[in-house]
């Protein structure tokens, strides 16, 4: 019983696949060639490629208003500091000091080397 179903099902699937392929080709020919898009110009920048202005970075990372709530690292202290140059604010001074004592001093949020904090 199962073998007879396979002998019928496989040729039927092959036939359906071939029919759909032919219909696809006909529909594609009726549409004609796909028009090519005009090449897009790159936006003009004042800074050299790959160099971002610090003002833009600060505006993106700046969180409006004071930060309240626990430190994002230890979840304890509520006194937050601001890291430079990335301007992240949701970390306490104790965790900041521990990070600065490390060799490469990465910001835990964006991995930029911490230059200082306030």
PDB file of N, CA and C in Angstrom:
ATOM      1  N   UNK A   1       0.821  -1.192   0.000  1.00  0.00           N
ATOM      2  CA  UNK A   1       0.000   0.000   0.000  1.00  0.00           C
ATOM      3  C   UNK A   1       0.869   1.262   0.000  1.00  0.00           C
ATOM      4  N   UNK A   2       1.857   1.295   0.910  1.00  0.00           N
ATOM      5  CA  UNK A   2       2.729   2.458   1.014  1.00  0.00           C
ATOM      6  C   UNK A   2       3.561   2.636  -0.248  1.00  0.00           C
ATOM      7  N   UNK A   3       4.045   1.516  -0.798  1.00  0.00           N
ATOM      8  CA  UNK A   3       4.856   1.600  -2.017  1.00  0.00           C
ATOM      9  C   UNK A   3       4.034   2.130  -3.188  1.00  0.00           C
ATOM     10  N   UNK A   4       2.789   1.723  -3.274  1.00  0.00           N
ATOM     11  CA  UNK A   4       1.961   2.202  -4.382  1.00  0.00           C
ATOM     12  C   UNK A   4       1.685   3.703  -4.247  1.00  0.00           C
ATOM     13  N   UNK A   5       1.581   4.196  -3.018  1.00  0.00           N
ATOM     14  CA  UNK A   5       1.391   5.630  -2.810  1.00  0.00           C
ATOM     15  C   UNK A   5       2.644   6.397  -3.218  1.00  0.00           C
ATOM     16  N   UNK A   6       3.804   5.843  -2.915  1.00  0.00           N
ATOM     17  CA  UNK A   6       5.062   6.496  -3.284  1.00  0.00           C
ATOM     18  C   UNK A   6       5.197   6.534  -4.797  1.00  0.00           C
ATOM     19  N   UNK A   7       4.847   5.427  -5.467  1.00  0.00           N
ATOM     20  CA  UNK A   7       4.959   5.378  -6.928  1.00  0.00           C
ATOM     21  C   UNK A   7       4.035   6.396  -7.601  1.00  0.00           C
ATOM     22  N   UNK A   8       2.954   6.771  -6.933  1.00  0.00           N
ATOM     23  CA  UNK A   8       2.031   7.750  -7.494  1.00  0.00           C
ATOM     24  C   UNK A   8       2.414   9.169  -7.054  1.00  0.00           C
ATOM     25  N   UNK A   9       2.819   9.324  -5.795  1.00  0.00           N
ATOM     26  CA  UNK A   9       3.062  10.649  -5.230  1.00  0.00           C
ATOM     27  C   UNK A   9       4.302  11.317  -5.815  1.00  0.00           C
ATOM     28  N   UNK A  10       5.390  10.578  -5.963  1.00  0.00           N
ATOM     29  CA  UNK A  10       6.639  11.183  -6.446  1.00  0.00           C
ATOM     30  C   UNK A  10       6.487  11.717  -7.866  1.00  0.00           C
ATOM     31  N   UNK A  11       5.969  10.953  -8.824  1.00  0.00           N
ATOM     32  CA  UNK A  11       5.791  11.534 -10.159  1.00  0.00           C
ATOM     33  C   UNK A  11       4.825  12.718 -10.168  1.00  0.00           C
ATOM     34  N   UNK A  12       3.809  12.673  -9.317  1.00  0.00           N
ATOM     35  CA  UNK A  12       2.866  13.792  -9.250  1.00  0.00           C
ATOM     36  C   UNK A  12       3.564  15.051  -8.744  1.00  0.00           C
ATOM     37  N   UNK A  13       4.411  14.909  -7.720  1.00  0.00           N
ATOM     38  CA  UNK A  13       5.154  16.056  -7.197  1.00  0.00           C
ATOM     39  C   UNK A  13       6.125  16.610  -8.231  1.00  0.00           C
ATOM     40  N   UNK A  14       6.788  15.730  -8.960  1.00  0.00           N
ATOM     41  CA  UNK A  14       7.711  16.176 -10.003  1.00  0.00           C
ATOM     42  C   UNK A  14       6.940  16.924 -11.091  1.00  0.00           C
ATOM     43  N   UNK A  15       5.798  16.405 -11.476  1.00  0.00           N
ATOM     44  CA  UNK A  15       4.986  17.064 -12.501  1.00  0.00           C
ATOM     45  C   UNK A  15       4.488  18.429 -12.043  1.00  0.00           C
ATOM     46  N   UNK A  16       4.036  18.531 -10.790  1.00  0.00           N
ATOM     47  CA  UNK A  16       3.586  19.819 -10.261  1.00  0.00           C
ATOM     48  C   UNK A  16       4.730  20.823 -10.187  1.00  0.00           C
ATOM     49  N   UNK A  17       5.891  20.360  -9.759  1.00  0.00           N
ATOM     50  CA  UNK A  17       7.051  21.246  -9.686  1.00  0.00           C
ATOM     51  C   UNK A  17       7.406  21.778 -11.066  1.00  0.00           C
ATOM     52  N   UNK A  18       7.407  20.903 -12.061  1.00  0.00           N
ATOM     53  CA  UNK A  18       7.723  21.332 -13.425  1.00  0.00           C
ATOM     54  C   UNK A  18       6.677  22.318 -13.937  1.00  0.00           C
ATOM     55  N   UNK A  19       5.411  22.067 -13.645  1.00  0.00           N
ATOM     56  CA  UNK A  19       4.351  22.968 -14.099  1.00  0.00           C
ATOM     57  C   UNK A  19       4.492  24.349 -13.457  1.00  0.00           C
ATOM     58  N   UNK A  20       4.771  24.395 -12.157  1.00  0.00           N
ATOM     59  CA  UNK A  20       4.961  25.681 -11.485  1.00  0.00           C
ATOM     60  C   UNK A  20       6.185  26.413 -12.018  1.00  0.00           C
ATOM     61  N   UNK A  21       7.230  25.685 -12.338  1.00  0.00           N
ATOM     62  CA  UNK A  21       8.432  26.303 -12.891  1.00  0.00           C
ATOM     63  C   UNK A  21       8.131  26.945 -14.246  1.00  0.00           C
ATOM     64  N   UNK A  22       7.389  26.241 -15.082  1.00  0.00           N
ATOM     65  CA  UNK A  22       7.031  26.776 -16.399  1.00  0.00           C
ATOM     66  C   UNK A  22       6.160  28.021 -16.237  1.00  0.00           C
ATOM     67  N   UNK A  23       5.183  27.970 -15.335  1.00  0.00           N
ATOM     68  CA  UNK A  23       4.337  29.137 -15.091  1.00  0.00           C
ATOM     69  C   UNK A  23       5.151  30.317 -14.562  1.00  0.00           C
ATOM     70  N   UNK A  24       6.106  30.038 -13.718  1.00  0.00           N
ATOM     71  CA  UNK A  24       6.977  31.087 -13.186  1.00  0.00           C
ATOM     72  C   UNK A  24       7.775  31.743 -14.306  1.00  0.00           C
ATOM     73  N   UNK A  25       8.341  30.938 -15.183  1.00  0.00           N
ATOM     74  CA  UNK A  25       9.134  31.469 -16.299  1.00  0.00           C
ATOM     75  C   UNK A  25       8.268  32.327 -17.226  1.00  0.00           C
ATOM     76  N   UNK A  26       7.050  31.867 -17.516  1.00  0.00           N
ATOM     77  CA  UNK A  26       6.152  32.628 -18.387  1.00  0.00           C
ATOM     78  C   UNK A  26       5.805  33.971 -17.742  1.00  0.00           C
ATOM     79  N   UNK A  27       5.485  33.955 -16.460  1.00  0.00           N
ATOM     80  CA  UNK A  27       5.141  35.198 -15.764  1.00  0.00           C
ATOM     81  C   UNK A  27       6.329  36.147 -15.730  1.00  0.00           C
ATOM     82  N   UNK A  28       7.511  35.613 -15.556  1.00  0.00           N
ATOM     83  CA  UNK A  28       8.712  36.442 -15.511  1.00  0.00           C
ATOM     84  C   UNK A  28       8.986  37.080 -16.873  1.00  0.00           C
ATOM     85  N   UNK A  29       8.766  36.336 -17.961  1.00  0.00           N
ATOM     86  CA  UNK A  29       8.969  36.876 -19.308  1.00  0.00           C
ATOM     87  C   UNK A  29       7.954  37.968 -19.622  1.00  0.00           C
ATOM     88  N   UNK A  30       6.715  37.820 -19.139  1.00  0.00           N
ATOM     89  CA  UNK A  30       5.688  38.821 -19.392  1.00  0.00           C
ATOM     90  C   UNK A  30       5.989  40.132 -18.676  1.00  0.00           C
ATOM     91  N   UNK A  31       6.646  40.060 -17.531  1.00  0.00           N
ATOM     92  CA  UNK A  31       6.978  41.271 -16.789  1.00  0.00           C
ATOM     93  C   UNK A  31       8.069  42.067 -17.484  1.00  0.00           C
ATOM     94  N   UNK A  32       8.899  41.421 -18.229  1.00  0.00           N
ATOM     95  CA  UNK A  32       9.998  42.103 -18.903  1.00  0.00           C
ATOM     96  C   UNK A  32      11.195  42.230 -17.975  1.00  0.00           C
ATOM     97  N   UNK A  33      12.235  42.869 -18.477  1.00  0.00           N
ATOM     98  CA  UNK A  33      13.432  43.000 -17.648  1.00  0.00           C
ATOM     99  C   UNK A  33      13.188  43.946 -16.475  1.00  0.00           C
ATOM    100  N   UNK A  34      13.838  43.670 -15.394  1.00  0.00           N
ATOM    101  CA  UNK A  34      13.723  44.494 -14.200  1.00  0.00           C
ATOM    102  C   UNK A  34      14.583  45.734 -14.400  1.00  0.00           C
ATOM    103  N   UNK A  35      14.008  46.929 -14.255  1.00  0.00           N
ATOM    104  CA  UNK A  35      14.808  48.139 -14.455  1.00  0.00           C
ATOM    105  C   UNK A  35      15.875  48.262 -13.369  1.00  0.00           C
ATOM    106  N   UNK A  36      17.046  48.693 -13.781  1.00  0.00           N
ATOM    107  CA  UNK A  36      18.143  48.876 -12.841  1.00  0.00           C
ATOM    108  C   UNK A  36      17.953  50.191 -12.105  1.00  0.00           C
ATOM    109  N   UNK A  37      18.262  50.182 -10.821  1.00  0.00           N
ATOM    110  CA  UNK A  37      18.175  51.411 -10.045  1.00  0.00           C
ATOM    111  C   UNK A  37      19.364  52.302 -10.366  1.00  0.00           C
ATOM    112  N   UNK A  38      19.133  53.577 -10.306  1.00  0.00           N
ATOM    113  CA  UNK A  38      20.226  54.527 -10.516  1.00  0.00           C
ATOM    114  C   UNK A  38      21.180  54.429  -9.334  1.00  0.00           C
ATOM    115  N   UNK A  39      22.465  54.535  -9.582  1.00  0.00           N
ATOM    116  CA  UNK A  39      23.403  54.454  -8.461  1.00  0.00           C
ATOM    117  C   UNK A  39      23.170  55.607  -7.494  1.00  0.00           C
ATOM    118  N   UNK A  40      23.199  55.283  -6.223  1.00  0.00           N
ATOM    119  CA  UNK A  40      22.953  56.301  -5.218  1.00  0.00           C
ATOM    120  C   UNK A  40      24.260  56.981  -4.836  1.00  0.00           C
ATOM    121  N   UNK A  41      24.178  58.294  -4.676  1.00  0.00           N
ATOM    122  CA  UNK A  41      25.355  59.026  -4.241  1.00  0.00           C
ATOM    123  C   UNK A  41      25.538  58.841  -2.748  1.00  0.00           C
ATOM    124  N   UNK A  42      26.781  58.842  -2.329  1.00  0.00           N
ATOM    125  CA  UNK A  42      27.055  58.782  -0.906  1.00  0.00           C
ATOM    126  C   UNK A  42      26.826  60.165  -0.318  1.00  0.00           C
ATOM    127  N   UNK A  43      26.311  60.234   0.898  1.00  0.00           N
ATOM    128  CA  UNK A  43      26.077  61.541   1.492  1.00  0.00           C
ATOM    129  C   UNK A  43      27.394  62.280   1.715  1.00  0.00           C
ATOM    130  N   UNK A  44      27.338  63.573   1.545  1.00  0.00           N
ATOM    131  CA  UNK A  44      28.534  64.379   1.757  1.00  0.00           C
ATOM    132  C   UNK A  44      28.748  64.563   3.250  1.00  0.00           C
ATOM    133  N   UNK A  45      29.987  64.454   3.660  1.00  0.00           N
ATOM    134  CA  UNK A  45      30.319  64.640   5.061  1.00  0.00           C
ATOM    135  C   UNK A  45      31.400  65.687   5.196  1.00  0.00           C
ATOM    136  N   UNK A  46      31.374  66.382   6.308  1.00  0.00           N
ATOM    137  CA  UNK A  46      32.411  67.358   6.594  1.00  0.00           C
ATOM    138  C   UNK A  46      33.630  66.639   7.135  1.00  0.00           C
ATOM    139  N   UNK A  47      33.398  65.632   7.950  1.00  0.00           N
ATOM    140  CA  UNK A  47      34.497  64.866   8.534  1.00  0.00           C
ATOM    141  C   UNK A  47      34.993  63.832   7.537  1.00  0.00           C
ATOM    142  N   UNK A  48      36.249  63.409   7.653  1.00  0.00           N
ATOM    143  CA  UNK A  48      36.743  62.329   6.799  1.00  0.00           C
ATOM    144  C   UNK A  48      35.945  61.054   7.050  1.00  0.00           C
ATOM    145  N   UNK A  49      35.926  60.126   6.086  1.00  0.00           N
ATOM    146  CA  UNK A  49      35.176  58.884   6.282  1.00  0.00           C
ATOM    147  C   UNK A  49      35.667  58.135   7.515  1.00  0.00           C
ATOM    148  N   UNK A  50      34.739  57.612   8.284  1.00  0.00           N
ATOM    149  CA  UNK A  50      35.079  56.822   9.457  1.00  0.00           C
ATOM    150  C   UNK A  50      35.258  57.647  10.720  1.00  0.00           C
ATOM    151  N   UNK A  51      35.192  58.981  10.630  1.00  0.00           N
ATOM    152  CA  UNK A  51      35.368  59.839  11.795  1.00  0.00           C
ATOM    153  C   UNK A  51      34.017  60.445  12.144  1.00  0.00           C
ATOM    154  N   UNK A  52      33.581  60.214  13.372  1.00  0.00           N
ATOM    155  CA  UNK A  52      32.307  60.772  13.815  1.00  0.00           C
ATOM    156  C   UNK A  52      32.567  61.960  14.735  1.00  0.00           C
ATOM    157  N   UNK A  53      31.683  62.915  14.684  1.00  0.00           N
ATOM    158  CA  UNK A  53      31.804  64.050  15.588  1.00  0.00           C
ATOM    159  C   UNK A  53      31.395  63.615  16.977  1.00  0.00           C
ATOM    160  N   UNK A  54      32.082  64.118  17.965  1.00  0.00           N
ATOM    161  CA  UNK A  54      31.769  63.763  19.343  1.00  0.00           C
ATOM    162  C   UNK A  54      30.392  64.260  19.744  1.00  0.00           C
ATOM    163  N   UNK A  55      29.957  65.386  19.182  1.00  0.00           N
ATOM    164  CA  UNK A  55      28.638  65.914  19.524  1.00  0.00           C
ATOM    165  C   UNK A  55      27.549  64.917  19.173  1.00  0.00           C
ATOM    166  N   UNK A  56      27.663  64.274  18.000  1.00  0.00           N
ATOM    167  CA  UNK A  56      26.655  63.298  17.576  1.00  0.00           C
ATOM    168  C   UNK A  56      26.643  62.102  18.508  1.00  0.00           C
ATOM    169  N   UNK A  57      27.822  61.642  18.915  1.00  0.00           N
ATOM    170  CA  UNK A  57      27.906  60.490  19.819  1.00  0.00           C
ATOM    171  C   UNK A  57      27.278  60.851  21.152  1.00  0.00           C
ATOM    172  N   UNK A  58      27.561  62.038  21.642  1.00  0.00           N
ATOM    173  CA  UNK A  58      26.997  62.455  22.925  1.00  0.00           C
ATOM    174  C   UNK A  58      25.479  62.554  22.861  1.00  0.00           C
ATOM    175  N   UNK A  59      24.961  63.107  21.779  1.00  0.00           N
ATOM    176  CA  UNK A  59      23.518  63.254  21.669  1.00  0.00           C
ATOM    177  C   UNK A  59      22.823  61.904  21.612  1.00  0.00           C
ATOM    178  N   UNK A  60      23.423  60.935  20.942  1.00  0.00           N
ATOM    179  CA  UNK A  60      22.804  59.612  20.845  1.00  0.00           C
ATOM    180  C   UNK A  60      22.810  58.893  22.181  1.00  0.00           C
ATOM    181  N   UNK A  61      23.903  59.003  22.936  1.00  0.00           N
ATOM    182  CA  UNK A  61      24.036  58.260  24.181  1.00  0.00           C
ATOM    183  C   UNK A  61      23.442  58.998  25.370  1.00  0.00           C
ATOM    184  N   UNK A  62      23.121  60.246  25.206  1.00  0.00           N
ATOM    185  CA  UNK A  62      22.634  61.044  26.324  1.00  0.00           C
ATOM    186  C   UNK A  62      21.218  60.616  26.685  1.00  0.00           C
ATOM    187  N   UNK A  63      21.016  60.375  27.961  1.00  0.00           N
ATOM    188  CA  UNK A  63      19.699  60.001  28.461  1.00  0.00           C
ATOM    189  C   UNK A  63      19.101  61.236  29.107  1.00  0.00           C
ATOM    190  N   UNK A  64      17.904  61.650  28.726  1.00  0.00           N
ATOM    191  CA  UNK A  64      17.335  62.860  29.296  1.00  0.00           C
ATOM    192  C   UNK A  64      17.052  62.702  30.778  1.00  0.00           C
ATOM    193  N   UNK A  65      17.348  63.755  31.535  1.00  0.00           N
ATOM    194  CA  UNK A  65      17.043  63.767  32.958  1.00  0.00           C
ATOM    195  C   UNK A  65      18.017  62.941  33.769  1.00  0.00           C
ATOM    196  N   UNK A  66      17.900  63.034  35.082  1.00  0.00           N
ATOM    197  CA  UNK A  66      18.807  62.273  35.948  1.00  0.00           C
ATOM    198  C   UNK A  66      18.481  60.786  35.920  1.00  0.00           C
ATOM    199  N   UNK A  67      19.510  59.994  36.115  1.00  0.00           N
ATOM    200  CA  UNK A  67      19.344  58.539  36.169  1.00  0.00           C
ATOM    201  C   UNK A  67      18.951  58.171  37.591  1.00  0.00           C
ATOM    202  N   UNK A  68      17.934  57.384  37.739  1.00  0.00           N
ATOM    203  CA  UNK A  68      17.556  56.902  39.058  1.00  0.00           C
ATOM    204  C   UNK A  68      17.449  55.397  38.994  1.00  0.00           C
ATOM    205  N   UNK A  69      17.584  54.792  40.140  1.00  0.00           N
ATOM    206  CA  UNK A  69      17.519  53.346  40.185  1.00  0.00           C
ATOM    207  C   UNK A  69      18.883  52.757  40.466  1.00  0.00           C
ATOM    208  N   UNK A  70      18.966  51.473  40.530  1.00  0.00           N
ATOM    209  CA  UNK A  70      20.234  50.831  40.888  1.00  0.00           C
ATOM    210  C   UNK A  70      21.250  50.872  39.752  1.00  0.00           C
ATOM    211  N   UNK A  71      22.490  50.643  40.121  1.00  0.00           N
ATOM    212  CA  UNK A  71      23.589  50.546  39.155  1.00  0.00           C
ATOM    213  C   UNK A  71      23.325  49.358  38.236  1.00  0.00           C
ATOM    214  N   UNK A  72      23.619  49.504  36.964  1.00  0.00           N
ATOM    215  CA  UNK A  72      23.374  48.431  35.999  1.00  0.00           C
ATOM    216  C   UNK A  72      24.356  47.277  36.166  1.00  0.00           C
ATOM    217  N   UNK A  73      25.431  47.474  36.941  1.00  0.00           N
ATOM    218  CA  UNK A  73      26.425  46.420  37.146  1.00  0.00           C
ATOM    219  C   UNK A  73      26.154  45.665  38.443  1.00  0.00           C
ATOM    220  N   UNK A  74      26.137  46.387  39.571  1.00  0.00           N
ATOM    221  CA  UNK A  74      26.010  45.715  40.873  1.00  0.00           C
ATOM    222  C   UNK A  74      24.584  45.732  41.420  1.00  0.00           C
ATOM    223  N   UNK A  75      23.712  46.535  40.854  1.00  0.00           N
ATOM    224  CA  UNK A  75      22.314  46.661  41.273  1.00  0.00           C
ATOM    225  C   UNK A  75      22.163  47.137  42.721  1.00  0.00           C
ATOM    226  N   UNK A  76      23.166  47.866  43.245  1.00  0.00           N
ATOM    227  CA  UNK A  76      23.081  48.327  44.630  1.00  0.00           C
ATOM    228  C   UNK A  76      23.059  49.844  44.746  1.00  0.00           C
ATOM    229  N   UNK A  77      24.167  50.484  44.464  1.00  0.00           N
ATOM    230  CA  UNK A  77      24.286  51.923  44.683  1.00  0.00           C
ATOM    231  C   UNK A  77      23.367  52.704  43.758  1.00  0.00           C
ATOM    232  N   UNK A  78      22.963  53.877  44.238  1.00  0.00           N
ATOM    233  CA  UNK A  78      22.117  54.722  43.405  1.00  0.00           C
ATOM    234  C   UNK A  78      22.832  55.981  42.944  1.00  0.00           C
ATOM    235  N   UNK A  79      24.068  56.204  43.368  1.00  0.00           N
ATOM    236  CA  UNK A  79      24.812  57.382  42.923  1.00  0.00           C
ATOM    237  C   UNK A  79      25.519  57.033  41.621  1.00  0.00           C
ATOM    238  N   UNK A  80      25.111  57.671  40.548  1.00  0.00           N
ATOM    239  CA  UNK A  80      25.641  57.343  39.232  1.00  0.00           C
ATOM    240  C   UNK A  80      26.664  58.367  38.795  1.00  0.00           C
ATOM    241  N   UNK A  81      27.623  57.913  38.009  1.00  0.00           N
ATOM    242  CA  UNK A  81      28.630  58.789  37.425  1.00  0.00           C
ATOM    243  C   UNK A  81      28.465  58.766  35.914  1.00  0.00           C
ATOM    244  N   UNK A  82      29.104  59.723  35.238  1.00  0.00           N
ATOM    245  CA  UNK A  82      29.053  59.790  33.782  1.00  0.00           C
ATOM    246  C   UNK A  82      30.430  59.426  33.244  1.00  0.00           C
ATOM    247  N   UNK A  83      30.480  58.446  32.352  1.00  0.00           N
ATOM    248  CA  UNK A  83      31.746  57.985  31.788  1.00  0.00           C
ATOM    249  C   UNK A  83      32.110  58.818  30.570  1.00  0.00           C
ATOM    250  N   UNK A  84      33.412  59.034  30.383  1.00  0.00           N
ATOM    251  CA  UNK A  84      33.901  59.772  29.207  1.00  0.00           C
ATOM    252  C   UNK A  84      34.769  58.859  28.372  1.00  0.00           C
ATOM    253  N   UNK A  85      34.691  58.855  27.078  1.00  0.00           N
ATOM    254  CA  UNK A  85      33.993  59.767  26.188  1.00  0.00           C
ATOM    255  C   UNK A  85      32.598  59.296  25.801  1.00  0.00           C
ATOM    256  N   UNK A  86      32.162  58.120  26.236  1.00  0.00           N
ATOM    257  CA  UNK A  86      30.893  57.564  25.728  1.00  0.00           C
ATOM    258  C   UNK A  86      29.655  58.144  26.397  1.00  0.00           C
ATOM    259  N   UNK A  87      29.816  58.804  27.543  1.00  0.00           N
ATOM    260  CA  UNK A  87      28.726  59.496  28.239  1.00  0.00           C
ATOM    261  C   UNK A  87      27.667  58.557  28.835  1.00  0.00           C
ATOM    262  N   UNK A  88      27.980  57.298  29.069  1.00  0.00           N
ATOM    263  CA  UNK A  88      27.024  56.422  29.734  1.00  0.00           C
ATOM    264  C   UNK A  88      26.929  56.824  31.199  1.00  0.00           C
ATOM    265  N   UNK A  89      25.722  56.715  31.784  1.00  0.00           N
ATOM    266  CA  UNK A  89      25.476  57.234  33.127  1.00  0.00           C
ATOM    267  C   UNK A  89      24.933  56.216  34.117  1.00  0.00           C
ATOM    268  N   UNK A  90      24.562  55.049  33.711  1.00  0.00           N
ATOM    269  CA  UNK A  90      23.867  54.137  34.621  1.00  0.00           C
ATOM    270  C   UNK A  90      24.816  53.156  35.305  1.00  0.00           C
ATOM    271  N   UNK A  91      25.880  53.688  35.901  1.00  0.00           N
ATOM    272  CA  UNK A  91      26.847  52.872  36.617  1.00  0.00           C
ATOM    273  C   UNK A  91      27.305  53.655  37.845  1.00  0.00           C
ATOM    274  N   UNK A  92      27.521  52.965  38.962  1.00  0.00           N
ATOM    275  CA  UNK A  92      27.909  53.647  40.194  1.00  0.00           C
ATOM    276  C   UNK A  92      29.422  53.882  40.230  1.00  0.00           C
ATOM    277  N   UNK A  93      29.855  54.711  41.176  1.00  0.00           N
ATOM    278  CA  UNK A  93      31.269  55.066  41.265  1.00  0.00           C
ATOM    279  C   UNK A  93      32.126  53.865  41.656  1.00  0.00           C
ATOM    280  N   UNK A  94      31.628  53.005  42.537  1.00  0.00           N
ATOM    281  CA  UNK A  94      32.413  51.830  42.947  1.00  0.00           C
ATOM    282  C   UNK A  94      32.698  50.910  41.759  1.00  0.00           C
ATOM    283  N   UNK A  95      31.700  50.652  40.943  1.00  0.00           N
ATOM    284  CA  UNK A  95      31.899  49.793  39.768  1.00  0.00           C
ATOM    285  C   UNK A  95      32.804  50.481  38.754  1.00  0.00           C
ATOM    286  N   UNK A  96      32.677  51.805  38.625  1.00  0.00           N
ATOM    287  CA  UNK A  96      33.535  52.548  37.704  1.00  0.00           C
ATOM    288  C   UNK A  96      34.989  52.428  38.116  1.00  0.00           C
ATOM    289  N   UNK A  97      35.264  52.561  39.401  1.00  0.00           N
ATOM    290  CA  UNK A  97      36.645  52.445  39.894  1.00  0.00           C
ATOM    291  C   UNK A  97      37.191  51.053  39.615  1.00  0.00           C
ATOM    292  N   UNK A  98      36.385  50.022  39.819  1.00  0.00           N
ATOM    293  CA  UNK A  98      36.842  48.649  39.532  1.00  0.00           C
ATOM    294  C   UNK A  98      37.175  48.476  38.054  1.00  0.00           C
ATOM    295  N   UNK A  99      36.367  49.067  37.186  1.00  0.00           N
ATOM    296  CA  UNK A  99      36.614  48.950  35.743  1.00  0.00           C
ATOM    297  C   UNK A  99      37.867  49.722  35.350  1.00  0.00           C
ATOM    298  N   UNK A 100      38.047  50.918  35.924  1.00  0.00           N
ATOM    299  CA  UNK A 100      39.206  51.741  35.571  1.00  0.00           C
ATOM    300  C   UNK A 100      40.506  51.075  36.014  1.00  0.00           C
ATOM    301  N   UNK A 101      40.457  50.267  37.049  1.00  0.00           N
ATOM    302  CA  UNK A 101      41.659  49.572  37.511  1.00  0.00           C
ATOM    303  C   UNK A 101      42.075  48.448  36.567  1.00  0.00           C
ATOM    304  N   UNK A 102      41.191  48.055  35.660  1.00  0.00           N
ATOM    305  CA  UNK A 102      41.546  47.034  34.668  1.00  0.00           C
ATOM    306  C   UNK A 102      42.508  47.623  33.651  1.00  0.00           C
ATOM    307  N   UNK A 103      43.134  46.757  32.894  1.00  0.00           N
ATOM    308  CA  UNK A 103      44.170  47.182  31.955  1.00  0.00           C
ATOM    309  C   UNK A 103      43.638  48.027  30.798  1.00  0.00           C
ATOM    310  N   UNK A 104      42.604  47.561  30.100  1.00  0.00           N
ATOM    311  CA  UNK A 104      42.118  48.302  28.928  1.00  0.00           C
ATOM    312  C   UNK A 104      40.932  49.205  29.238  1.00  0.00           C
ATOM    313  N   UNK A 105      40.363  49.141  30.441  1.00  0.00           N
ATOM    314  CA  UNK A 105      39.320  50.038  30.926  1.00  0.00           C
ATOM    315  C   UNK A 105      38.122  50.156  29.991  1.00  0.00           C
ATOM    316  N   UNK A 106      37.461  49.059  29.604  1.00  0.00           N
ATOM    317  CA  UNK A 106      36.336  49.178  28.661  1.00  0.00           C
ATOM    318  C   UNK A 106      35.047  49.598  29.361  1.00  0.00           C
ATOM    319  N   UNK A 107      34.259  50.408  28.675  1.00  0.00           N
ATOM    320  CA  UNK A 107      32.911  50.714  29.150  1.00  0.00           C
ATOM    321  C   UNK A 107      32.109  49.415  29.057  1.00  0.00           C
ATOM    322  N   UNK A 108      31.377  49.026  30.102  1.00  0.00           N
ATOM    323  CA  UNK A 108      30.641  47.756  30.054  1.00  0.00           C
ATOM    324  C   UNK A 108      29.466  47.766  29.081  1.00  0.00           C
ATOM    325  N   UNK A 109      29.084  48.936  28.583  1.00  0.00           N
ATOM    326  CA  UNK A 109      27.943  49.023  27.685  1.00  0.00           C
ATOM    327  C   UNK A 109      28.343  49.079  26.216  1.00  0.00           C
ATOM    328  N   UNK A 110      29.423  49.828  25.908  1.00  0.00           N
ATOM    329  CA  UNK A 110      29.791  49.991  24.498  1.00  0.00           C
ATOM    330  C   UNK A 110      31.233  49.575  24.202  1.00  0.00           C
ATOM    331  N   UNK A 111      31.991  49.192  25.210  1.00  0.00           N
ATOM    332  CA  UNK A 111      33.373  48.707  25.077  1.00  0.00           C
ATOM    333  C   UNK A 111      34.371  49.774  24.636  1.00  0.00           C
ATOM    334  N   UNK A 112      33.999  51.048  24.706  1.00  0.00           N
ATOM    335  CA  UNK A 112      34.940  52.129  24.428  1.00  0.00           C
ATOM    336  C   UNK A 112      35.827  52.282  25.654  1.00  0.00           C
ATOM    337  N   UNK A 113      37.098  52.572  25.449  1.00  0.00           N
ATOM    338  CA  UNK A 113      38.022  52.746  26.564  1.00  0.00           C
ATOM    339  C   UNK A 113      37.623  53.978  27.375  1.00  0.00           C
ATOM    340  N   UNK A 114      37.477  53.809  28.676  1.00  0.00           N
ATOM    341  CA  UNK A 114      37.063  54.903  29.552  1.00  0.00           C
ATOM    342  C   UNK A 114      38.249  55.829  29.774  1.00  0.00           C
ATOM    343  N   UNK A 115      38.059  57.120  29.506  1.00  0.00           N
ATOM    344  CA  UNK A 115      39.107  58.125  29.701  1.00  0.00           C
ATOM    345  C   UNK A 115      38.952  58.833  31.044  1.00  0.00           C
ATOM    346  N   UNK A 116      37.762  58.817  31.592  1.00  0.00           N
ATOM    347  CA  UNK A 116      37.508  59.474  32.867  1.00  0.00           C
ATOM    348  C   UNK A 116      36.037  59.403  33.214  1.00  0.00           C
ATOM    349  N   UNK A 117      35.687  59.987  34.377  1.00  0.00           N
ATOM    350  CA  UNK A 117      34.290  60.005  34.795  1.00  0.00           C
ATOM    351  C   UNK A 117      34.060  61.203  35.703  1.00  0.00           C
ATOM    352  N   UNK A 118      32.806  61.584  35.833  1.00  0.00           N
ATOM    353  CA  UNK A 118      32.443  62.667  36.753  1.00  0.00           C
ATOM    354  C   UNK A 118      31.277  62.224  37.602  1.00  0.00           C
TER     355      UNK A 118
END
